[in-house]
Amino acid sequence: MAKYYGTVGFAETQLDDYGVWKETIVEKSYYGELVNPMYGKHVATQELNDNVIISNVISILADPYANEHFSTIRYLEYMGVKWKVTSVEVSFPRLILTTGEVYNADI
């Protein structure tokens, strides 16, 4: 198995000055293993450019923060790109993350 080290983005909601809840991303670094490498495929959409999807399964060694906030994981960084996390499996002391398409934050 290939080793993994990278950042995982968690979304925390905070109330701003105008009374609106907004998500802010908290990044944490984790070690893990690349369990099931499946490299890119293009998915045809009605958009201008096709989406690239990789269905990698990455198992990270979770700390207490990750165990408490696993439901708010938005993305993980792999090969310099932020990939959207499509599913999380809790297998203490690990979290098994499955990636999907490239993560695009709403700006």
C-alpha atoms as a PDB file:
ATOM      1  CA  MET A   1       0.000   0.000   0.000  1.00  0.00           C
ATOM      2  CA  ALA A   2       1.174   3.495  -0.804  1.00  0.00           C
ATOM      3  CA  LYS A   3       1.607   5.921   2.067  1.00  0.00           C
ATOM      4  CA  TYR A   4      -0.389   9.145   2.318  1.00  0.00           C
ATOM      5  CA  TYR A   5       0.327  12.453   4.026  1.00  0.00           C
ATOM      6  CA  GLY A   6      -1.840  15.462   3.338  1.00  0.00           C
ATOM      7  CA  THR A   7      -4.418  17.922   4.534  1.00  0.00           C
ATOM      8  CA  VAL A   8      -8.061  17.228   5.215  1.00  0.00           C
ATOM      9  CA  GLY A   9     -10.547  20.113   5.171  1.00  0.00           C
ATOM     10  CA  PHE A  10     -13.280  20.259   7.809  1.00  0.00           C
ATOM     11  CA  ALA A  11     -16.185  22.731   7.597  1.00  0.00           C
ATOM     12  CA  GLU A  12     -17.068  24.635  10.760  1.00  0.00           C
ATOM     13  CA  THR A  13     -20.149  26.830  10.814  1.00  0.00           C
ATOM     14  CA  GLN A  14     -19.855  30.194  12.508  1.00  0.00           C
ATOM     15  CA  LEU A  15     -22.290  33.031  13.021  1.00  0.00           C
ATOM     16  CA  ASP A  16     -21.104  36.267  11.392  1.00  0.00           C
ATOM     17  CA  ASP A  17     -21.829  39.860  12.434  1.00  0.00           C
ATOM     18  CA  TYR A  18     -25.025  39.945  10.358  1.00  0.00           C
ATOM     19  CA  GLY A  19     -26.563  36.849  11.928  1.00  0.00           C
ATOM     20  CA  VAL A  20     -25.793  34.587   8.974  1.00  0.00           C
ATOM     21  CA  TRP A  21     -24.243  31.146   9.430  1.00  0.00           C
ATOM     22  CA  LYS A  22     -21.179  30.658   7.227  1.00  0.00           C
ATOM     23  CA  GLU A  23     -18.838  27.741   6.720  1.00  0.00           C
ATOM     24  CA  THR A  24     -15.149  28.220   7.354  1.00  0.00           C
ATOM     25  CA  ILE A  25     -12.662  25.511   6.459  1.00  0.00           C
ATOM     26  CA  VAL A  26     -10.243  24.171   9.068  1.00  0.00           C
ATOM     27  CA  GLU A  27      -7.326  22.215   7.585  1.00  0.00           C
ATOM     28  CA  LYS A  28      -5.538  19.468   9.510  1.00  0.00           C
ATOM     29  CA  SER A  29      -2.685  17.224   8.343  1.00  0.00           C
ATOM     30  CA  TYR A  30      -2.929  13.438   8.572  1.00  0.00           C
ATOM     31  CA  TYR A  31      -0.910  10.319   7.834  1.00  0.00           C
ATOM     32  CA  GLY A  32      -2.499   7.316   6.215  1.00  0.00           C
ATOM     33  CA  GLU A  33      -2.471   4.790   3.422  1.00  0.00           C
ATOM     34  CA  LEU A  34      -3.820   4.729  -0.106  1.00  0.00           C
ATOM     35  CA  VAL A  35      -6.000   1.623   0.055  1.00  0.00           C
ATOM     36  CA  ASN A  36      -7.552   1.447  -3.408  1.00  0.00           C
ATOM     37  CA  PRO A  37      -5.912   3.673  -6.040  1.00  0.00           C
ATOM     38  CA  MET A  38      -8.185   4.331  -9.019  1.00  0.00           C
ATOM     39  CA  TYR A  39      -6.931   7.076 -11.241  1.00  0.00           C
ATOM     40  CA  GLY A  40      -8.930   9.670 -13.139  1.00  0.00           C
ATOM     41  CA  LYS A  41     -11.820   9.204 -15.448  1.00  0.00           C
ATOM     42  CA  HIS A  42     -13.816  11.860 -17.229  1.00  0.00           C
ATOM     43  CA  VAL A  43     -17.524  12.074 -16.645  1.00  0.00           C
ATOM     44  CA  ALA A  44     -19.493  13.724 -19.411  1.00  0.00           C
ATOM     45  CA  THR A  45     -21.789  16.489 -18.224  1.00  0.00           C
ATOM     46  CA  GLN A  46     -23.695  19.293 -19.849  1.00  0.00           C
ATOM     47  CA  GLU A  47     -21.073  21.742 -18.659  1.00  0.00           C
ATOM     48  CA  LEU A  48     -18.348  23.222 -20.828  1.00  0.00           C
ATOM     49  CA  ASN A  49     -15.648  20.923 -19.439  1.00  0.00           C
ATOM     50  CA  ASP A  50     -15.998  17.333 -18.285  1.00  0.00           C
ATOM     51  CA  ASN A  51     -15.417  16.551 -14.622  1.00  0.00           C
ATOM     52  CA  VAL A  52     -12.455  14.407 -13.616  1.00  0.00           C
ATOM     53  CA  ILE A  53     -13.273  11.890 -10.908  1.00  0.00           C
ATOM     54  CA  ILE A  54     -10.898   9.658  -8.987  1.00  0.00           C
ATOM     55  CA  SER A  55     -12.395   7.089  -6.673  1.00  0.00           C
ATOM     56  CA  ASN A  56      -9.440   6.644  -4.363  1.00  0.00           C
ATOM     57  CA  VAL A  57      -9.937   5.143  -0.943  1.00  0.00           C
ATOM     58  CA  ILE A  58      -7.596   6.668   1.633  1.00  0.00           C
ATOM     59  CA  SER A  59      -7.390   5.432   5.210  1.00  0.00           C
ATOM     60  CA  ILE A  60      -6.166   8.097   7.646  1.00  0.00           C
ATOM     61  CA  LEU A  61      -5.070   7.666  11.239  1.00  0.00           C
ATOM     62  CA  ALA A  62      -7.653   9.819  13.023  1.00  0.00           C
ATOM     63  CA  ASP A  63      -6.999  12.060  16.000  1.00  0.00           C
ATOM     64  CA  PRO A  64      -9.727  13.099  18.487  1.00  0.00           C
ATOM     65  CA  TYR A  65     -10.639  16.121  16.308  1.00  0.00           C
ATOM     66  CA  ALA A  66     -11.211  13.942  13.226  1.00  0.00           C
ATOM     67  CA  ASN A  67     -13.225  11.391  15.216  1.00  0.00           C
ATOM     68  CA  GLU A  68     -15.480  14.138  16.560  1.00  0.00           C
ATOM     69  CA  HIS A  69     -15.869  16.069  13.279  1.00  0.00           C
ATOM     70  CA  PHE A  70     -15.805  13.317  10.633  1.00  0.00           C
ATOM     71  CA  SER A  71     -19.268  14.333   9.412  1.00  0.00           C
ATOM     72  CA  THR A  72     -17.969  17.769   8.397  1.00  0.00           C
ATOM     73  CA  ILE A  73     -15.094  16.578   6.175  1.00  0.00           C
ATOM     74  CA  ARG A  74     -15.339  18.367   2.833  1.00  0.00           C
ATOM     75  CA  TYR A  75     -12.109  17.484   1.004  1.00  0.00           C
ATOM     76  CA  LEU A  76      -8.658  15.973   1.182  1.00  0.00           C
ATOM     77  CA  GLU A  77      -5.556  16.984  -0.691  1.00  0.00           C
ATOM     78  CA  TYR A  78      -3.959  14.335  -2.898  1.00  0.00           C
ATOM     79  CA  MET A  79      -1.214  14.921  -5.472  1.00  0.00           C
ATOM     80  CA  GLY A  80      -1.524  18.691  -5.021  1.00  0.00           C
ATOM     81  CA  VAL A  81      -5.265  18.795  -5.763  1.00  0.00           C
ATOM     82  CA  LYS A  82      -8.173  19.119  -3.340  1.00  0.00           C
ATOM     83  CA  TRP A  83     -10.631  16.260  -3.923  1.00  0.00           C
ATOM     84  CA  LYS A  84     -14.192  16.178  -2.593  1.00  0.00           C
ATOM     85  CA  VAL A  85     -14.786  13.436  -0.027  1.00  0.00           C
ATOM     86  CA  THR A  86     -17.872  11.467  -1.044  1.00  0.00           C
ATOM     87  CA  SER A  87     -18.038   9.034   1.876  1.00  0.00           C
ATOM     88  CA  VAL A  88     -16.484   8.412   5.280  1.00  0.00           C
ATOM     89  CA  GLU A  89     -16.324   5.047   7.020  1.00  0.00           C
ATOM     90  CA  VAL A  90     -15.462   5.040  10.719  1.00  0.00           C
ATOM     91  CA  SER A  91     -13.165   2.142  11.571  1.00  0.00           C
ATOM     92  CA  PHE A  92     -11.515   3.155  14.843  1.00  0.00           C
ATOM     93  CA  PRO A  93      -8.709   4.303  15.040  1.00  0.00           C
ATOM     94  CA  ARG A  94      -8.976   5.090  11.322  1.00  0.00           C
ATOM     95  CA  LEU A  95     -11.303   6.983   9.033  1.00  0.00           C
ATOM     96  CA  ILE A  96     -11.657   5.555   5.539  1.00  0.00           C
ATOM     97  CA  LEU A  97     -12.303   8.344   3.036  1.00  0.00           C
ATOM     98  CA  THR A  98     -13.502   7.919  -0.553  1.00  0.00           C
ATOM     99  CA  THR A  99     -12.807  10.732  -3.001  1.00  0.00           C
ATOM    100  CA  GLY A 100     -14.858  11.986  -5.923  1.00  0.00           C
ATOM    101  CA  GLU A 101     -14.434  14.992  -8.177  1.00  0.00           C
ATOM    102  CA  VAL A 102     -12.257  18.061  -7.731  1.00  0.00           C
ATOM    103  CA  TYR A 103     -13.355  20.210  -4.771  1.00  0.00           C
ATOM    104  CA  ASN A 104     -14.529  23.696  -5.710  1.00  0.00           C
ATOM    105  CA  ALA A 105     -15.333  25.895  -2.745  1.00  0.00           C
ATOM    106  CA  ASP A 106     -18.161  28.376  -3.095  1.00  0.00           C
ATOM    107  CA  ILE A 107     -16.507  31.763  -3.102  1.00  0.00           C
END
